[in-house]
Amino acid sequence: MTAVALIALGLYVPGLLALLSRNLGRLATPGDPVAAVVTLEPEADAREVARRAAADPRVATVRIVSSAAALERFRRSYPDLGAALSNLKEAPFPPTLEILLRPAAPPGAGLEIARAARAWPGVESAEAEEGFDRRFRDGIRLLRGAGLALGGLLTLAAVLSVASAIRMALDLHRDEIEIMRLMGATEAAVRAPFWLYATFEGLAGGAVALLLLAATYQAATRALARHPHPVLSIFWTSFLDWPAALALPVVGTLAGFLGSLLSLGRKAKV
């Protein structure tokens, strides 16, 4: 049971951090980092302003984000608040332009472009996003990396725990093993029960980790349903997709099997 608990803990922690970083990552602008955001007046010609921004040699791409698209983004990022805007006849967000720079653009180019854009006709405001988006993405990567590193250490401890449990089982059943050998059992037949036992422990630990993660997600979403919070709800919008969720029991199974190989491999004969 100790090995199962360690495997479950070793996979639950990175799974939880992966879940949080996955939901937080939805707030990042898709694609390359945005250097500047230009907010347009309702009557402005978005295409004309976009062409003027794209004429700058430092600019790589200019994306036009309509009011409807901005509202849809808001609903995905803030589902609790987005539901309250579902009955509005008009989108409450003005159209914007997202300006992306070329890789060779010098530092501070986003700030200079934003300053120049404030004087353009049809522009309500312009803000530089250069640096913030990059730091936000770096923070998400750091969160994922911390989860993987911590999960790796805990999983290694689980592998060693499985190996220790297998060695104890070998000592307890040494007489039965000798009888099997005397009866002509092959080494594979002798080792197979221990392989299966360790593999099952790993699978059980991974399944427990997945169940704990699902229970945590359900508890958080139910708590936020009773007491909505515009910030905390960002982290609990959706659960892991199936490939990521199934990776927990798969990795647990591999950890258990590796523990059995580590234990049995240290002995020339079981």
Protein backbone atom coordinates (compact mmCIF):
# COMPACT_ATOMS: atom_id res chain seq x y z
CA MET A 1 0.00 0.00 0.00
CA THR A 2 2.90 2.37 0.64
CA ALA A 3 4.10 1.98 -2.94
CA VAL A 4 0.58 2.60 -4.29
CA ALA A 5 0.26 5.74 -2.15
CA LEU A 6 3.64 7.05 -3.28
CA ILE A 7 2.86 6.44 -6.95
CA ALA A 8 -0.54 8.12 -6.52
CA LEU A 9 1.08 11.14 -4.84
CA GLY A 10 3.89 11.25 -7.40
CA LEU A 11 1.38 11.45 -10.26
CA TYR A 12 -1.29 13.55 -8.54
CA VAL A 13 1.03 16.52 -7.96
CA PRO A 14 2.18 16.95 -11.58
CA GLY A 15 -1.34 16.17 -12.75
CA LEU A 16 -2.73 18.97 -10.59
CA LEU A 17 -0.12 21.45 -11.80
CA ALA A 18 -0.76 20.37 -15.40
CA LEU A 19 -4.49 20.97 -14.89
CA LEU A 20 -3.90 24.44 -13.44
CA SER A 21 -1.38 25.43 -16.12
CA ARG A 22 -3.68 24.10 -18.87
CA ASN A 23 -6.55 26.32 -17.73
CA LEU A 24 -4.27 29.26 -17.09
CA GLY A 25 -2.73 28.83 -20.53
CA ARG A 26 -6.08 29.60 -22.14
CA LEU A 27 -5.51 33.24 -21.22
CA ALA A 28 -2.36 33.43 -23.30
CA THR A 29 -2.80 34.85 -26.75
CA PRO A 30 -2.55 32.03 -29.30
CA GLY A 31 0.51 32.03 -31.52
CA ASP A 32 3.40 34.43 -31.11
CA PRO A 33 3.40 37.01 -28.28
CA VAL A 34 1.41 40.19 -28.91
CA ALA A 35 3.56 43.32 -28.81
CA ALA A 36 0.78 45.93 -28.79
CA VAL A 37 -3.01 46.10 -28.64
CA VAL A 38 -4.82 48.93 -30.40
CA THR A 39 -8.41 49.63 -29.34
CA LEU A 40 -10.53 51.14 -32.11
CA GLU A 41 -13.45 53.50 -32.00
CA PRO A 42 -16.80 51.93 -33.01
CA GLU A 43 -16.94 53.81 -36.32
CA ALA A 44 -13.30 53.22 -37.26
CA ASP A 45 -12.28 51.26 -40.35
CA ALA A 46 -10.42 48.34 -38.80
CA ARG A 47 -8.87 47.23 -42.09
CA GLU A 48 -7.50 50.66 -42.86
CA VAL A 49 -5.91 51.01 -39.41
CA ALA A 50 -4.54 47.47 -39.72
CA ARG A 51 -2.94 48.32 -43.09
CA ARG A 52 -1.31 51.38 -41.54
CA ALA A 53 0.10 49.30 -38.69
CA ALA A 54 1.32 46.59 -41.06
CA ALA A 55 3.27 49.18 -43.07
CA ASP A 56 5.78 49.43 -40.23
CA PRO A 57 8.79 47.25 -41.18
CA ARG A 58 9.05 45.99 -37.61
CA VAL A 59 5.53 44.50 -37.72
CA ALA A 60 5.09 40.89 -38.79
CA THR A 61 1.31 40.42 -38.45
CA VAL A 62 -1.72 42.47 -37.50
CA ARG A 63 -4.79 40.57 -36.28
CA ILE A 64 -8.23 42.17 -36.29
CA VAL A 65 -10.28 41.06 -33.27
CA SER A 66 -13.93 41.94 -33.71
CA SER A 67 -16.28 42.70 -30.83
CA ALA A 68 -17.93 39.29 -31.20
CA ALA A 69 -14.56 37.51 -31.16
CA ALA A 70 -13.48 39.46 -28.07
CA LEU A 71 -16.72 38.49 -26.31
CA GLU A 72 -16.18 34.82 -27.18
CA ARG A 73 -12.65 34.99 -25.77
CA PHE A 74 -13.99 36.53 -22.59
CA ARG A 75 -16.57 33.79 -22.19
CA ARG A 76 -13.94 31.08 -22.59
CA SER A 77 -11.55 32.75 -20.15
CA TYR A 78 -14.14 33.76 -17.55
CA PRO A 79 -17.04 31.31 -17.86
CA ASP A 80 -18.83 32.54 -14.73
CA LEU A 81 -18.83 36.16 -15.85
CA GLY A 82 -19.27 35.27 -19.51
CA ALA A 83 -22.61 33.59 -18.79
CA ALA A 84 -23.93 36.87 -17.40
CA LEU A 85 -23.26 38.55 -20.77
CA SER A 86 -25.10 35.95 -22.84
CA ASN A 87 -28.31 37.99 -23.07
CA LEU A 88 -26.68 41.19 -24.27
CA LYS A 89 -27.78 42.28 -27.74
CA GLU A 90 -24.47 43.99 -28.46
CA ALA A 91 -20.98 42.86 -27.58
CA PRO A 92 -19.57 45.05 -24.76
CA PHE A 93 -16.04 44.96 -26.17
CA PRO A 94 -14.75 47.35 -28.86
CA PRO A 95 -12.84 45.97 -31.86
CA THR A 96 -9.08 45.77 -31.41
CA LEU A 97 -5.92 45.13 -33.37
CA GLU A 98 -3.25 42.76 -32.09
CA ILE A 99 0.19 43.66 -33.43
CA LEU A 100 2.92 41.01 -33.62
CA LEU A 101 6.53 41.97 -34.28
CA ARG A 102 9.18 40.38 -36.46
CA PRO A 103 11.87 38.36 -34.64
CA ALA A 104 14.48 40.96 -35.63
CA ALA A 105 12.50 43.85 -34.12
CA PRO A 106 14.52 45.71 -31.47
CA PRO A 107 13.43 45.76 -27.80
CA GLY A 108 10.89 48.46 -27.08
CA ALA A 109 9.45 48.43 -30.59
CA GLY A 110 6.02 47.50 -29.26
CA LEU A 111 6.01 50.53 -26.97
CA GLU A 112 7.04 52.85 -29.82
CA ILE A 113 4.34 51.49 -32.12
CA ALA A 114 1.70 51.88 -29.40
CA ARG A 115 2.71 55.49 -28.82
CA ALA A 116 2.51 56.26 -32.53
CA ALA A 117 -0.84 54.49 -32.92
CA ARG A 118 -2.51 56.70 -30.32
CA ALA A 119 -2.34 59.57 -32.81
CA TRP A 120 -3.95 57.64 -35.67
CA PRO A 121 -7.54 58.42 -36.72
CA GLY A 122 -10.06 55.94 -35.36
CA VAL A 123 -7.82 54.77 -32.51
CA GLU A 124 -9.27 55.07 -29.03
CA SER A 125 -6.23 53.78 -27.15
CA ALA A 126 -3.08 51.73 -27.68
CA GLU A 127 -1.12 49.79 -25.10
CA ALA A 128 2.17 47.93 -25.36
CA GLU A 129 1.94 44.27 -24.35
CA GLU A 130 5.55 43.49 -25.15
CA GLY A 131 7.14 41.71 -22.21
CA PHE A 132 3.96 40.95 -20.28
CA ASP A 133 2.80 38.22 -22.63
CA ARG A 134 6.27 36.72 -22.69
CA ARG A 135 6.54 36.75 -18.90
CA PHE A 136 3.08 35.19 -18.66
CA ARG A 137 4.06 32.37 -20.98
CA ASP A 138 7.32 31.88 -19.10
CA GLY A 139 5.35 31.63 -15.86
CA ILE A 140 3.13 28.91 -17.34
CA ARG A 141 6.16 26.98 -18.58
CA LEU A 142 7.75 27.32 -15.13
CA LEU A 143 4.60 25.95 -13.51
CA ARG A 144 4.59 22.96 -15.85
CA GLY A 145 8.31 22.39 -15.36
CA ALA A 146 7.94 22.49 -11.58
CA GLY A 147 5.16 19.91 -11.80
CA LEU A 148 7.25 17.61 -13.96
CA ALA A 149 10.33 17.95 -11.76
CA LEU A 150 8.44 17.36 -8.53
CA GLY A 151 6.46 14.54 -10.08
CA GLY A 152 9.65 12.95 -11.35
CA LEU A 153 11.22 12.98 -7.89
CA LEU A 154 8.09 11.53 -6.27
CA THR A 155 7.75 8.89 -8.97
CA LEU A 156 11.40 7.91 -8.49
CA ALA A 157 10.69 7.48 -4.79
CA ALA A 158 7.69 5.33 -5.73
CA VAL A 159 9.83 3.17 -8.03
CA LEU A 160 12.29 2.60 -5.20
CA SER A 161 9.40 1.80 -2.87
CA VAL A 162 8.07 -0.80 -5.30
CA ALA A 163 11.55 -2.29 -5.60
CA SER A 164 11.80 -2.50 -1.81
CA ALA A 165 8.39 -4.16 -1.56
CA ILE A 166 9.37 -6.75 -4.18
CA ARG A 167 12.58 -7.56 -2.34
CA MET A 168 10.61 -8.10 0.86
CA ALA A 169 8.21 -10.36 -1.00
CA LEU A 170 11.17 -12.35 -2.35
CA ASP A 171 12.47 -12.93 1.15
CA LEU A 172 9.04 -13.99 2.41
CA HIS A 173 8.49 -16.50 -0.40
CA ARG A 174 12.03 -17.80 -0.82
CA ASP A 175 11.05 -21.33 0.19
CA GLU A 176 8.22 -21.43 -2.36
CA ILE A 177 10.59 -20.12 -5.03
CA GLU A 178 13.11 -22.89 -4.30
CA ILE A 179 10.33 -25.50 -4.55
CA MET A 180 9.28 -24.07 -7.92
CA ARG A 181 12.85 -24.32 -9.18
CA LEU A 182 13.14 -27.90 -7.97
CA MET A 183 9.99 -28.69 -9.91
CA GLY A 184 11.58 -27.31 -13.09
CA ALA A 185 10.07 -23.82 -13.23
CA THR A 186 11.93 -21.39 -15.47
CA GLU A 187 13.27 -18.06 -14.22
CA ALA A 188 10.57 -16.25 -16.21
CA ALA A 189 7.86 -18.31 -14.48
CA VAL A 190 9.40 -17.53 -11.08
CA ARG A 191 9.68 -13.79 -11.74
CA ALA A 192 6.36 -13.31 -13.56
CA PRO A 193 4.17 -13.09 -10.38
CA PHE A 194 6.41 -10.35 -9.00
CA TRP A 195 6.33 -8.46 -12.29
CA LEU A 196 2.55 -8.65 -12.35
CA TYR A 197 2.24 -7.64 -8.70
CA ALA A 198 4.45 -4.58 -9.14
CA THR A 199 2.73 -3.61 -12.39
CA PHE A 200 -0.67 -3.84 -10.72
CA GLU A 201 0.57 -1.63 -7.86
CA GLY A 202 1.68 0.97 -10.41
CA LEU A 203 -1.62 0.79 -12.26
CA ALA A 204 -3.53 1.13 -9.01
CA GLY A 205 -1.43 4.13 -7.98
CA GLY A 206 -2.00 5.85 -11.33
CA ALA A 207 -5.74 5.16 -11.17
CA VAL A 208 -5.91 6.57 -7.63
CA ALA A 209 -4.05 9.69 -8.79
CA LEU A 210 -6.55 10.18 -11.61
CA LEU A 211 -9.50 9.69 -9.26
CA LEU A 212 -8.05 12.15 -6.75
CA LEU A 213 -7.46 14.70 -9.50
CA ALA A 214 -11.02 14.30 -10.80
CA ALA A 215 -12.38 14.59 -7.25
CA THR A 216 -10.36 17.77 -6.70
CA TYR A 217 -11.69 19.24 -9.93
CA GLN A 218 -15.30 18.35 -9.06
CA ALA A 219 -14.96 19.78 -5.55
CA ALA A 220 -13.46 23.03 -6.88
CA THR A 221 -16.12 23.48 -9.57
CA ARG A 222 -18.94 22.80 -7.10
CA ALA A 223 -17.48 25.25 -4.61
CA LEU A 224 -17.16 27.91 -7.32
CA ALA A 225 -20.73 27.22 -8.46
CA ARG A 226 -21.94 28.07 -4.96
CA HIS A 227 -19.52 30.95 -4.46
CA PRO A 228 -18.40 32.31 -7.86
CA HIS A 229 -14.98 33.92 -8.01
CA PRO A 230 -13.77 35.67 -11.19
CA VAL A 231 -10.11 34.78 -10.61
CA LEU A 232 -10.23 31.29 -9.10
CA SER A 233 -12.68 30.14 -11.77
CA ILE A 234 -9.92 30.62 -14.37
CA PHE A 235 -8.04 27.63 -12.97
CA TRP A 236 -11.01 25.24 -13.00
CA THR A 237 -12.70 25.83 -16.35
CA SER A 238 -12.09 22.38 -17.86
CA PHE A 239 -10.54 19.04 -16.94
CA LEU A 240 -7.57 17.37 -18.62
CA ASP A 241 -8.15 15.95 -22.07
CA TRP A 242 -8.27 12.16 -22.42
CA PRO A 243 -4.64 11.63 -23.52
CA ALA A 244 -3.31 13.61 -20.54
CA ALA A 245 -5.72 11.91 -18.12
CA LEU A 246 -4.89 8.41 -19.34
CA ALA A 247 -1.18 9.19 -19.05
CA LEU A 248 -1.47 8.98 -15.25
CA PRO A 249 -2.34 5.25 -15.02
CA VAL A 250 -0.01 4.46 -17.93
CA VAL A 251 2.95 6.16 -16.23
CA GLY A 252 2.00 4.49 -12.95
CA THR A 253 2.02 1.09 -14.62
CA LEU A 254 5.46 1.75 -16.12
CA ALA A 255 6.76 2.94 -12.75
CA GLY A 256 5.58 -0.25 -11.06
CA PHE A 257 7.10 -2.46 -13.73
CA LEU A 258 10.36 -0.52 -13.59
CA GLY A 259 10.46 -1.01 -9.83
CA SER A 260 10.12 -4.77 -10.26
CA LEU A 261 12.91 -4.83 -12.86
CA LEU A 262 15.11 -2.77 -10.57
CA SER A 263 14.55 -5.17 -7.69
CA LEU A 264 14.85 -8.45 -9.57
CA GLY A 265 17.72 -7.20 -11.68
CA ARG A 266 19.89 -6.74 -8.62
CA LYS A 267 19.87 -10.46 -7.97
CA ALA A 268 21.47 -12.93 -10.33
CA LYS A 269 18.87 -15.43 -9.22
CA VAL A 270 15.60 -14.78 -7.47
